[in-house]
Amino acid sequence: MTDLRFADDRAASRYTLHDGDDLVSVLDYRDDGRTVALTRAFTIPTFRGRGYAAVLVERAVDAIEKAGDREILPVCWYVGEWFEAHPERGSLLHARR
């Protein structure tokens, strides 16, 4: 995990994480202009167990927080568990009414 590159592929509504030239993990989302629903985290099977999904979710959350104009809706179970493990980031979550 030395050469990790994070990107927002807006055309595909997906965040990506590459390790060198290898695509290792993706995080699909839906952005309605107010809320970003993180819908599916997926790590390529040959790269599982190395922590790539956690890095990808953290970088996506950082990017959304930096933009400052969206809340996060953790639709994907993995993203929900990530937020449970990082309660200090809970202020970014969309409050269901």
PDB file of N, CA and C in Angstrom:
ATOM      1  N   MET A   1       0.832  -1.190   0.000  1.00  0.00           N
ATOM      2  CA  MET A   1       0.000   0.000   0.000  1.00  0.00           C
ATOM      3  C   MET A   1       0.876   1.252   0.000  1.00  0.00           C
ATOM      4  N   THR A   2       1.815   1.289  -0.864  1.00  0.00           N
ATOM      5  CA  THR A   2       2.723   2.426  -0.880  1.00  0.00           C
ATOM      6  C   THR A   2       2.328   3.489  -1.892  1.00  0.00           C
ATOM      7  N   ASP A   3       1.706   3.092  -2.974  1.00  0.00           N
ATOM      8  CA  ASP A   3       1.396   4.033  -4.052  1.00  0.00           C
ATOM      9  C   ASP A   3      -0.112   4.103  -4.275  1.00  0.00           C
ATOM     10  N   LEU A   4      -0.856   4.511  -3.233  1.00  0.00           N
ATOM     11  CA  LEU A   4      -2.308   4.534  -3.323  1.00  0.00           C
ATOM     12  C   LEU A   4      -2.784   5.832  -3.967  1.00  0.00           C
ATOM     13  N   ARG A   5      -3.671   5.694  -4.941  1.00  0.00           N
ATOM     14  CA  ARG A   5      -4.262   6.856  -5.600  1.00  0.00           C
ATOM     15  C   ARG A   5      -5.776   6.775  -5.478  1.00  0.00           C
ATOM     16  N   PHE A   6      -6.353   7.832  -4.926  1.00  0.00           N
ATOM     17  CA  PHE A   6      -7.793   7.957  -4.746  1.00  0.00           C
ATOM     18  C   PHE A   6      -8.319   8.901  -5.821  1.00  0.00           C
ATOM     19  N   ALA A   7      -9.486   8.572  -6.381  1.00  0.00           N
ATOM     20  CA  ALA A   7     -10.091   9.445  -7.391  1.00  0.00           C
ATOM     21  C   ALA A   7     -11.610   9.375  -7.286  1.00  0.00           C
ATOM     22  N   ASP A   8     -12.239  10.464  -7.707  1.00  0.00           N
ATOM     23  CA  ASP A   8     -13.693  10.531  -7.811  1.00  0.00           C
ATOM     24  C   ASP A   8     -14.031  10.465  -9.294  1.00  0.00           C
ATOM     25  N   ASP A   9     -14.562   9.345  -9.728  1.00  0.00           N
ATOM     26  CA  ASP A   9     -14.987   9.177 -11.120  1.00  0.00           C
ATOM     27  C   ASP A   9     -16.454   9.596 -11.191  1.00  0.00           C
ATOM     28  N   ARG A  10     -16.676  10.892 -11.329  1.00  0.00           N
ATOM     29  CA  ARG A  10     -18.039  11.427 -11.283  1.00  0.00           C
ATOM     30  C   ARG A  10     -18.927  10.861 -12.388  1.00  0.00           C
ATOM     31  N   ALA A  11     -18.369  10.613 -13.569  1.00  0.00           N
ATOM     32  CA  ALA A  11     -19.169  10.076 -14.676  1.00  0.00           C
ATOM     33  C   ALA A  11     -19.755   8.718 -14.322  1.00  0.00           C
ATOM     34  N   ALA A  12     -19.043   7.951 -13.504  1.00  0.00           N
ATOM     35  CA  ALA A  12     -19.510   6.625 -13.092  1.00  0.00           C
ATOM     36  C   ALA A  12     -20.136   6.638 -11.699  1.00  0.00           C
ATOM     37  N   SER A  13     -20.164   7.804 -11.025  1.00  0.00           N
ATOM     38  CA  SER A  13     -20.648   7.917  -9.640  1.00  0.00           C
ATOM     39  C   SER A  13     -19.952   6.890  -8.752  1.00  0.00           C
ATOM     40  N   ARG A  14     -18.615   6.974  -8.763  1.00  0.00           N
ATOM     41  CA  ARG A  14     -17.834   5.989  -8.020  1.00  0.00           C
ATOM     42  C   ARG A  14     -16.492   6.584  -7.631  1.00  0.00           C
ATOM     43  N   TYR A  15     -16.114   6.312  -6.392  1.00  0.00           N
ATOM     44  CA  TYR A  15     -14.762   6.604  -5.942  1.00  0.00           C
ATOM     45  C   TYR A  15     -13.918   5.372  -6.238  1.00  0.00           C
ATOM     46  N   THR A  16     -12.664   5.582  -6.573  1.00  0.00           N
ATOM     47  CA  THR A  16     -11.779   4.454  -6.869  1.00  0.00           C
ATOM     48  C   THR A  16     -10.489   4.575  -6.071  1.00  0.00           C
ATOM     49  N   LEU A  17      -9.880   3.425  -5.824  1.00  0.00           N
ATOM     50  CA  LEU A  17      -8.580   3.372  -5.176  1.00  0.00           C
ATOM     51  C   LEU A  17      -7.697   2.439  -5.989  1.00  0.00           C
ATOM     52  N   HIS A  18      -6.562   2.968  -6.402  1.00  0.00           N
ATOM     53  CA  HIS A  18      -5.567   2.190  -7.135  1.00  0.00           C
ATOM     54  C   HIS A  18      -4.328   2.036  -6.272  1.00  0.00           C
ATOM     55  N   ASP A  19      -3.712   0.885  -6.344  1.00  0.00           N
ATOM     56  CA  ASP A  19      -2.403   0.651  -5.743  1.00  0.00           C
ATOM     57  C   ASP A  19      -1.457   0.444  -6.914  1.00  0.00           C
ATOM     58  N   GLY A  20      -0.646   1.438  -7.186  1.00  0.00           N
ATOM     59  CA  GLY A  20       0.157   1.401  -8.406  1.00  0.00           C
ATOM     60  C   GLY A  20      -0.781   1.453  -9.599  1.00  0.00           C
ATOM     61  N   ASP A  21      -0.627   0.507 -10.505  1.00  0.00           N
ATOM     62  CA  ASP A  21      -1.486   0.448 -11.689  1.00  0.00           C
ATOM     63  C   ASP A  21      -2.754  -0.374 -11.464  1.00  0.00           C
ATOM     64  N   ASP A  22      -2.866  -1.016 -10.312  1.00  0.00           N
ATOM     65  CA  ASP A  22      -3.986  -1.922 -10.048  1.00  0.00           C
ATOM     66  C   ASP A  22      -5.171  -1.207  -9.410  1.00  0.00           C
ATOM     67  N   LEU A  23      -6.365  -1.363 -10.001  1.00  0.00           N
ATOM     68  CA  LEU A  23      -7.601  -0.942  -9.349  1.00  0.00           C
ATOM     69  C   LEU A  23      -7.873  -1.963  -8.257  1.00  0.00           C
ATOM     70  N   VAL A  24      -7.944  -1.498  -7.005  1.00  0.00           N
ATOM     71  CA  VAL A  24      -8.087  -2.441  -5.897  1.00  0.00           C
ATOM     72  C   VAL A  24      -9.444  -2.360  -5.205  1.00  0.00           C
ATOM     73  N   SER A  25     -10.085  -1.181  -5.254  1.00  0.00           N
ATOM     74  CA  SER A  25     -11.360  -1.043  -4.544  1.00  0.00           C
ATOM     75  C   SER A  25     -12.173   0.089  -5.151  1.00  0.00           C
ATOM     76  N   VAL A  26     -13.506  -0.056  -5.088  1.00  0.00           N
ATOM     77  CA  VAL A  26     -14.420   0.974  -5.587  1.00  0.00           C
ATOM     78  C   VAL A  26     -15.513   1.216  -4.545  1.00  0.00           C
ATOM     79  N   LEU A  27     -16.048   2.430  -4.577  1.00  0.00           N
ATOM     80  CA  LEU A  27     -17.143   2.810  -3.690  1.00  0.00           C
ATOM     81  C   LEU A  27     -18.156   3.576  -4.533  1.00  0.00           C
ATOM     82  N   ASP A  28     -19.285   2.938  -4.801  1.00  0.00           N
ATOM     83  CA  ASP A  28     -20.334   3.568  -5.602  1.00  0.00           C
ATOM     84  C   ASP A  28     -21.148   4.523  -4.751  1.00  0.00           C
ATOM     85  N   TYR A  29     -21.659   5.572  -5.398  1.00  0.00           N
ATOM     86  CA  TYR A  29     -22.470   6.550  -4.663  1.00  0.00           C
ATOM     87  C   TYR A  29     -23.556   7.144  -5.534  1.00  0.00           C
ATOM     88  N   ARG A  30     -24.531   7.757  -4.853  1.00  0.00           N
ATOM     89  CA  ARG A  30     -25.571   8.578  -5.500  1.00  0.00           C
ATOM     90  C   ARG A  30     -25.536   9.934  -4.811  1.00  0.00           C
ATOM     91  N   ASP A  31     -25.450  10.986  -5.618  1.00  0.00           N
ATOM     92  CA  ASP A  31     -25.373  12.347  -5.087  1.00  0.00           C
ATOM     93  C   ASP A  31     -26.591  13.114  -5.582  1.00  0.00           C
ATOM     94  N   ASP A  32     -27.467  13.520  -4.652  1.00  0.00           N
ATOM     95  CA  ASP A  32     -28.673  14.245  -5.055  1.00  0.00           C
ATOM     96  C   ASP A  32     -28.534  15.751  -4.881  1.00  0.00           C
ATOM     97  N   GLY A  33     -27.315  16.216  -4.602  1.00  0.00           N
ATOM     98  CA  GLY A  33     -27.085  17.641  -4.421  1.00  0.00           C
ATOM     99  C   GLY A  33     -27.079  18.088  -2.968  1.00  0.00           C
ATOM    100  N   ARG A  34     -27.642  17.263  -2.093  1.00  0.00           N
ATOM    101  CA  ARG A  34     -27.644  17.544  -0.661  1.00  0.00           C
ATOM    102  C   ARG A  34     -27.019  16.410   0.137  1.00  0.00           C
ATOM    103  N   THR A  35     -27.229  15.193  -0.358  1.00  0.00           N
ATOM    104  CA  THR A  35     -26.771  14.001   0.348  1.00  0.00           C
ATOM    105  C   THR A  35     -26.026  13.093  -0.622  1.00  0.00           C
ATOM    106  N   VAL A  36     -24.934  12.523  -0.137  1.00  0.00           N
ATOM    107  CA  VAL A  36     -24.212  11.512  -0.897  1.00  0.00           C
ATOM    108  C   VAL A  36     -24.512  10.167  -0.241  1.00  0.00           C
ATOM    109  N   ALA A  37     -25.236   9.319  -0.961  1.00  0.00           N
ATOM    110  CA  ALA A  37     -25.521   7.966  -0.476  1.00  0.00           C
ATOM    111  C   ALA A  37     -24.385   7.064  -0.933  1.00  0.00           C
ATOM    112  N   LEU A  38     -23.655   6.509   0.018  1.00  0.00           N
ATOM    113  CA  LEU A  38     -22.575   5.576  -0.307  1.00  0.00           C
ATOM    114  C   LEU A  38     -23.201   4.189  -0.354  1.00  0.00           C
ATOM    115  N   THR A  39     -23.343   3.666  -1.575  1.00  0.00           N
ATOM    116  CA  THR A  39     -24.210   2.514  -1.796  1.00  0.00           C
ATOM    117  C   THR A  39     -23.523   1.155  -1.847  1.00  0.00           C
ATOM    118  N   ARG A  40     -22.249   1.105  -2.251  1.00  0.00           N
ATOM    119  CA  ARG A  40     -21.607  -0.209  -2.361  1.00  0.00           C
ATOM    120  C   ARG A  40     -20.099  -0.058  -2.352  1.00  0.00           C
ATOM    121  N   ALA A  41     -19.468  -0.665  -1.358  1.00  0.00           N
ATOM    122  CA  ALA A  41     -18.011  -0.757  -1.313  1.00  0.00           C
ATOM    123  C   ALA A  41     -17.635  -2.144  -1.813  1.00  0.00           C
ATOM    124  N   PHE A  42     -16.638  -2.192  -2.688  1.00  0.00           N
ATOM    125  CA  PHE A  42     -16.224  -3.470  -3.260  1.00  0.00           C
ATOM    126  C   PHE A  42     -14.713  -3.467  -3.443  1.00  0.00           C
ATOM    127  N   THR A  43     -14.078  -4.513  -2.958  1.00  0.00           N
ATOM    128  CA  THR A  43     -12.652  -4.709  -3.187  1.00  0.00           C
ATOM    129  C   THR A  43     -12.485  -5.896  -4.128  1.00  0.00           C
ATOM    130  N   ILE A  44     -11.636  -5.715  -5.128  1.00  0.00           N
ATOM    131  CA  ILE A  44     -11.348  -6.788  -6.081  1.00  0.00           C
ATOM    132  C   ILE A  44     -10.878  -8.001  -5.272  1.00  0.00           C
ATOM    133  N   PRO A  45     -11.462  -9.187  -5.517  1.00  0.00           N
ATOM    134  CA  PRO A  45     -11.187 -10.354  -4.665  1.00  0.00           C
ATOM    135  C   PRO A  45      -9.705 -10.643  -4.395  1.00  0.00           C
ATOM    136  N   THR A  46      -8.849 -10.506  -5.383  1.00  0.00           N
ATOM    137  CA  THR A  46      -7.434 -10.816  -5.148  1.00  0.00           C
ATOM    138  C   THR A  46      -6.744  -9.820  -4.220  1.00  0.00           C
ATOM    139  N   PHE A  47      -7.405  -8.689  -3.919  1.00  0.00           N
ATOM    140  CA  PHE A  47      -6.809  -7.668  -3.057  1.00  0.00           C
ATOM    141  C   PHE A  47      -7.504  -7.560  -1.701  1.00  0.00           C
ATOM    142  N   ARG A  48      -8.445  -8.449  -1.419  1.00  0.00           N
ATOM    143  CA  ARG A  48      -9.180  -8.384  -0.154  1.00  0.00           C
ATOM    144  C   ARG A  48      -8.282  -8.711   1.036  1.00  0.00           C
ATOM    145  N   GLY A  49      -8.684  -8.178   2.198  1.00  0.00           N
ATOM    146  CA  GLY A  49      -7.971  -8.473   3.438  1.00  0.00           C
ATOM    147  C   GLY A  49      -6.766  -7.591   3.686  1.00  0.00           C
ATOM    148  N   ARG A  50      -6.586  -6.565   2.889  1.00  0.00           N
ATOM    149  CA  ARG A  50      -5.425  -5.686   3.029  1.00  0.00           C
ATOM    150  C   ARG A  50      -5.789  -4.284   3.517  1.00  0.00           C
ATOM    151  N   GLY A  51      -7.074  -4.049   3.805  1.00  0.00           N
ATOM    152  CA  GLY A  51      -7.491  -2.763   4.331  1.00  0.00           C
ATOM    153  C   GLY A  51      -7.808  -1.706   3.291  1.00  0.00           C
ATOM    154  N   TYR A  52      -7.883  -2.095   2.024  1.00  0.00           N
ATOM    155  CA  TYR A  52      -8.142  -1.119   0.966  1.00  0.00           C
ATOM    156  C   TYR A  52      -9.513  -0.455   1.098  1.00  0.00           C
ATOM    157  N   ALA A  53     -10.532  -1.224   1.438  1.00  0.00           N
ATOM    158  CA  ALA A  53     -11.878  -0.648   1.542  1.00  0.00           C
ATOM    159  C   ALA A  53     -11.922   0.419   2.630  1.00  0.00           C
ATOM    160  N   ALA A  54     -11.256   0.173   3.746  1.00  0.00           N
ATOM    161  CA  ALA A  54     -11.236   1.161   4.829  1.00  0.00           C
ATOM    162  C   ALA A  54     -10.539   2.448   4.380  1.00  0.00           C
ATOM    163  N   VAL A  55      -9.442   2.312   3.662  1.00  0.00           N
ATOM    164  CA  VAL A  55      -8.735   3.486   3.148  1.00  0.00           C
ATOM    165  C   VAL A  55      -9.638   4.244   2.181  1.00  0.00           C
ATOM    166  N   LEU A  56     -10.310   3.516   1.302  1.00  0.00           N
ATOM    167  CA  LEU A  56     -11.175   4.151   0.310  1.00  0.00           C
ATOM    168  C   LEU A  56     -12.329   4.895   0.973  1.00  0.00           C
ATOM    169  N   VAL A  57     -12.992   4.270   1.936  1.00  0.00           N
ATOM    170  CA  VAL A  57     -14.107   4.932   2.619  1.00  0.00           C
ATOM    171  C   VAL A  57     -13.601   6.170   3.362  1.00  0.00           C
ATOM    172  N   GLU A  58     -12.473   6.059   4.032  1.00  0.00           N
ATOM    173  CA  GLU A  58     -11.936   7.215   4.755  1.00  0.00           C
ATOM    174  C   GLU A  58     -11.634   8.371   3.795  1.00  0.00           C
ATOM    175  N   ARG A  59     -11.032   8.077   2.674  1.00  0.00           N
ATOM    176  CA  ARG A  59     -10.702   9.143   1.716  1.00  0.00           C
ATOM    177  C   ARG A  59     -11.963   9.741   1.089  1.00  0.00           C
ATOM    178  N   ALA A  60     -12.964   8.916   0.845  1.00  0.00           N
ATOM    179  CA  ALA A  60     -14.226   9.437   0.310  1.00  0.00           C
ATOM    180  C   ALA A  60     -14.899  10.348   1.337  1.00  0.00           C
ATOM    181  N   VAL A  61     -14.932   9.918   2.588  1.00  0.00           N
ATOM    182  CA  VAL A  61     -15.518  10.735   3.654  1.00  0.00           C
ATOM    183  C   VAL A  61     -14.738  12.048   3.786  1.00  0.00           C
ATOM    184  N   ASP A  62     -13.418  11.965   3.712  1.00  0.00           N
ATOM    185  CA  ASP A  62     -12.598  13.180   3.772  1.00  0.00           C
ATOM    186  C   ASP A  62     -12.955  14.133   2.631  1.00  0.00           C
ATOM    187  N   ALA A  63     -13.108  13.604   1.432  1.00  0.00           N
ATOM    188  CA  ALA A  63     -13.428  14.439   0.263  1.00  0.00           C
ATOM    189  C   ALA A  63     -14.801  15.089   0.415  1.00  0.00           C
ATOM    190  N   ILE A  64     -15.771  14.333   0.899  1.00  0.00           N
ATOM    191  CA  ILE A  64     -17.124  14.876   1.094  1.00  0.00           C
ATOM    192  C   ILE A  64     -17.099  15.945   2.180  1.00  0.00           C
ATOM    193  N   GLU A  65     -16.376  15.673   3.254  1.00  0.00           N
ATOM    194  CA  GLU A  65     -16.269  16.656   4.330  1.00  0.00           C
ATOM    195  C   GLU A  65     -15.580  17.927   3.833  1.00  0.00           C
ATOM    196  N   LYS A  66     -14.529  17.783   3.073  1.00  0.00           N
ATOM    197  CA  LYS A  66     -13.792  18.946   2.566  1.00  0.00           C
ATOM    198  C   LYS A  66     -14.681  19.814   1.668  1.00  0.00           C
ATOM    199  N   ALA A  67     -15.513  19.178   0.846  1.00  0.00           N
ATOM    200  CA  ALA A  67     -16.428  19.940  -0.014  1.00  0.00           C
ATOM    201  C   ALA A  67     -17.393  20.756   0.844  1.00  0.00           C
ATOM    202  N   GLY A  68     -17.816  20.190   1.979  1.00  0.00           N
ATOM    203  CA  GLY A  68     -18.580  20.935   2.966  1.00  0.00           C
ATOM    204  C   GLY A  68     -20.042  21.203   2.658  1.00  0.00           C
ATOM    205  N   ASP A  69     -20.579  20.617   1.612  1.00  0.00           N
ATOM    206  CA  ASP A  69     -21.962  20.942   1.247  1.00  0.00           C
ATOM    207  C   ASP A  69     -22.874  19.723   1.138  1.00  0.00           C
ATOM    208  N   ARG A  70     -22.434  18.578   1.658  1.00  0.00           N
ATOM    209  CA  ARG A  70     -23.230  17.361   1.570  1.00  0.00           C
ATOM    210  C   ARG A  70     -23.187  16.611   2.892  1.00  0.00           C
ATOM    211  N   GLU A  71     -24.276  15.878   3.164  1.00  0.00           N
ATOM    212  CA  GLU A  71     -24.294  14.911   4.254  1.00  0.00           C
ATOM    213  C   GLU A  71     -24.105  13.531   3.638  1.00  0.00           C
ATOM    214  N   ILE A  72     -23.789  12.553   4.465  1.00  0.00           N
ATOM    215  CA  ILE A  72     -23.532  11.197   3.989  1.00  0.00           C
ATOM    216  C   ILE A  72     -24.631  10.267   4.487  1.00  0.00           C
ATOM    217  N   LEU A  73     -25.124   9.453   3.584  1.00  0.00           N
ATOM    218  CA  LEU A  73     -26.090   8.410   3.919  1.00  0.00           C
ATOM    219  C   LEU A  73     -25.401   7.068   3.673  1.00  0.00           C
ATOM    220  N   PRO A  74     -25.074   6.320   4.735  1.00  0.00           N
ATOM    221  CA  PRO A  74     -24.356   5.057   4.573  1.00  0.00           C
ATOM    222  C   PRO A  74     -25.306   3.906   4.231  1.00  0.00           C
ATOM    223  N   VAL A  75     -25.587   3.724   2.956  1.00  0.00           N
ATOM    224  CA  VAL A  75     -26.476   2.651   2.516  1.00  0.00           C
ATOM    225  C   VAL A  75     -25.763   1.295   2.596  1.00  0.00           C
ATOM    226  N   CYS A  76     -24.512   1.256   2.207  1.00  0.00           N
ATOM    227  CA  CYS A  76     -23.711   0.029   2.221  1.00  0.00           C
ATOM    228  C   CYS A  76     -23.409  -0.386   3.662  1.00  0.00           C
ATOM    229  N   TRP A  77     -23.557  -1.666   3.966  1.00  0.00           N
ATOM    230  CA  TRP A  77     -23.296  -2.161   5.322  1.00  0.00           C
ATOM    231  C   TRP A  77     -21.864  -1.862   5.759  1.00  0.00           C
ATOM    232  N   TYR A  78     -20.915  -1.972   4.850  1.00  0.00           N
ATOM    233  CA  TYR A  78     -19.520  -1.741   5.205  1.00  0.00           C
ATOM    234  C   TYR A  78     -19.308  -0.283   5.632  1.00  0.00           C
ATOM    235  N   VAL A  79     -19.903   0.635   4.898  1.00  0.00           N
ATOM    236  CA  VAL A  79     -19.783   2.053   5.239  1.00  0.00           C
ATOM    237  C   VAL A  79     -20.434   2.311   6.600  1.00  0.00           C
ATOM    238  N   GLY A  80     -21.589   1.693   6.847  1.00  0.00           N
ATOM    239  CA  GLY A  80     -22.234   1.824   8.151  1.00  0.00           C
ATOM    240  C   GLY A  80     -21.331   1.342   9.276  1.00  0.00           C
ATOM    241  N   GLU A  81     -20.682   0.199   9.080  1.00  0.00           N
ATOM    242  CA  GLU A  81     -19.767  -0.317  10.098  1.00  0.00           C
ATOM    243  C   GLU A  81     -18.544   0.586  10.255  1.00  0.00           C
ATOM    244  N   TRP A  82     -18.094   1.178   9.140  1.00  0.00           N
ATOM    245  CA  TRP A  82     -16.961   2.108   9.219  1.00  0.00           C
ATOM    246  C   TRP A  82     -17.327   3.290  10.114  1.00  0.00           C
ATOM    247  N   PHE A  83     -18.534   3.839   9.939  1.00  0.00           N
ATOM    248  CA  PHE A  83     -18.966   4.963  10.777  1.00  0.00           C
ATOM    249  C   PHE A  83     -19.140   4.535  12.232  1.00  0.00           C
ATOM    250  N   GLU A  84     -19.575   3.302  12.482  1.00  0.00           N
ATOM    251  CA  GLU A  84     -19.673   2.823  13.866  1.00  0.00           C
ATOM    252  C   GLU A  84     -18.291   2.774  14.514  1.00  0.00           C
ATOM    253  N   ALA A  85     -17.280   2.431  13.717  1.00  0.00           N
ATOM    254  CA  ALA A  85     -15.908   2.370  14.233  1.00  0.00           C
ATOM    255  C   ALA A  85     -15.259   3.752  14.321  1.00  0.00           C
ATOM    256  N   HIS A  86     -15.875   4.745  13.692  1.00  0.00           N
ATOM    257  CA  HIS A  86     -15.341   6.114  13.684  1.00  0.00           C
ATOM    258  C   HIS A  86     -16.440   7.109  14.094  1.00  0.00           C
ATOM    259  N   PRO A  87     -16.920   7.006  15.333  1.00  0.00           N
ATOM    260  CA  PRO A  87     -18.030   7.866  15.758  1.00  0.00           C
ATOM    261  C   PRO A  87     -17.682   9.358  15.712  1.00  0.00           C
ATOM    262  N   GLU A  88     -16.401   9.681  15.730  1.00  0.00           N
ATOM    263  CA  GLU A  88     -16.002  11.084  15.648  1.00  0.00           C
ATOM    264  C   GLU A  88     -16.362  11.708  14.303  1.00  0.00           C
ATOM    265  N   ARG A  89     -16.689  10.893  13.314  1.00  0.00           N
ATOM    266  CA  ARG A  89     -17.085  11.397  11.987  1.00  0.00           C
ATOM    267  C   ARG A  89     -18.599  11.443  11.834  1.00  0.00           C
ATOM    268  N   GLY A  90     -19.332  11.104  12.868  1.00  0.00           N
ATOM    269  CA  GLY A  90     -20.777  11.008  12.826  1.00  0.00           C
ATOM    270  C   GLY A  90     -21.515  12.296  12.468  1.00  0.00           C
ATOM    271  N   SER A  91     -20.891  13.435  12.675  1.00  0.00           N
ATOM    272  CA  SER A  91     -21.553  14.700  12.344  1.00  0.00           C
ATOM    273  C   SER A  91     -21.796  14.846  10.854  1.00  0.00           C
ATOM    274  N   LEU A  92     -21.149  14.032  10.051  1.00  0.00           N
ATOM    275  CA  LEU A  92     -21.329  14.081   8.594  1.00  0.00           C
ATOM    276  C   LEU A  92     -22.535  13.289   8.117  1.00  0.00           C
ATOM    277  N   LEU A  93     -23.097  12.477   9.011  1.00  0.00           N
ATOM    278  CA  LEU A  93     -24.201  11.603   8.608  1.00  0.00           C
ATOM    279  C   LEU A  93     -25.508  12.355   8.427  1.00  0.00           C
ATOM    280  N   HIS A  94     -26.249  11.913   7.449  1.00  0.00           N
ATOM    281  CA  HIS A  94     -27.588  12.462   7.182  1.00  0.00           C
ATOM    282  C   HIS A  94     -28.514  11.977   8.281  1.00  0.00           C
ATOM    283  N   ALA A  95     -29.220  12.908   8.899  1.00  0.00           N
ATOM    284  CA  ALA A  95     -30.171  12.551   9.949  1.00  0.00           C
ATOM    285  C   ALA A  95     -31.513  12.229   9.287  1.00  0.00           C
ATOM    286  N   ARG A  96     -31.933  10.979   9.400  1.00  0.00           N
ATOM    287  CA  ARG A  96     -33.226  10.588   8.838  1.00  0.00           C
ATOM    288  C   ARG A  96     -34.326  11.205   9.671  1.00  0.00           C
ATOM    289  N   ARG A  97     -35.279  11.780   8.981  1.00  0.00           N
ATOM    290  CA  ARG A  97     -36.356  12.461   9.694  1.00  0.00           C
ATOM    291  C   ARG A  97     -37.644  11.696   9.592  1.00  0.00           C
TER     292      ARG A  97
END
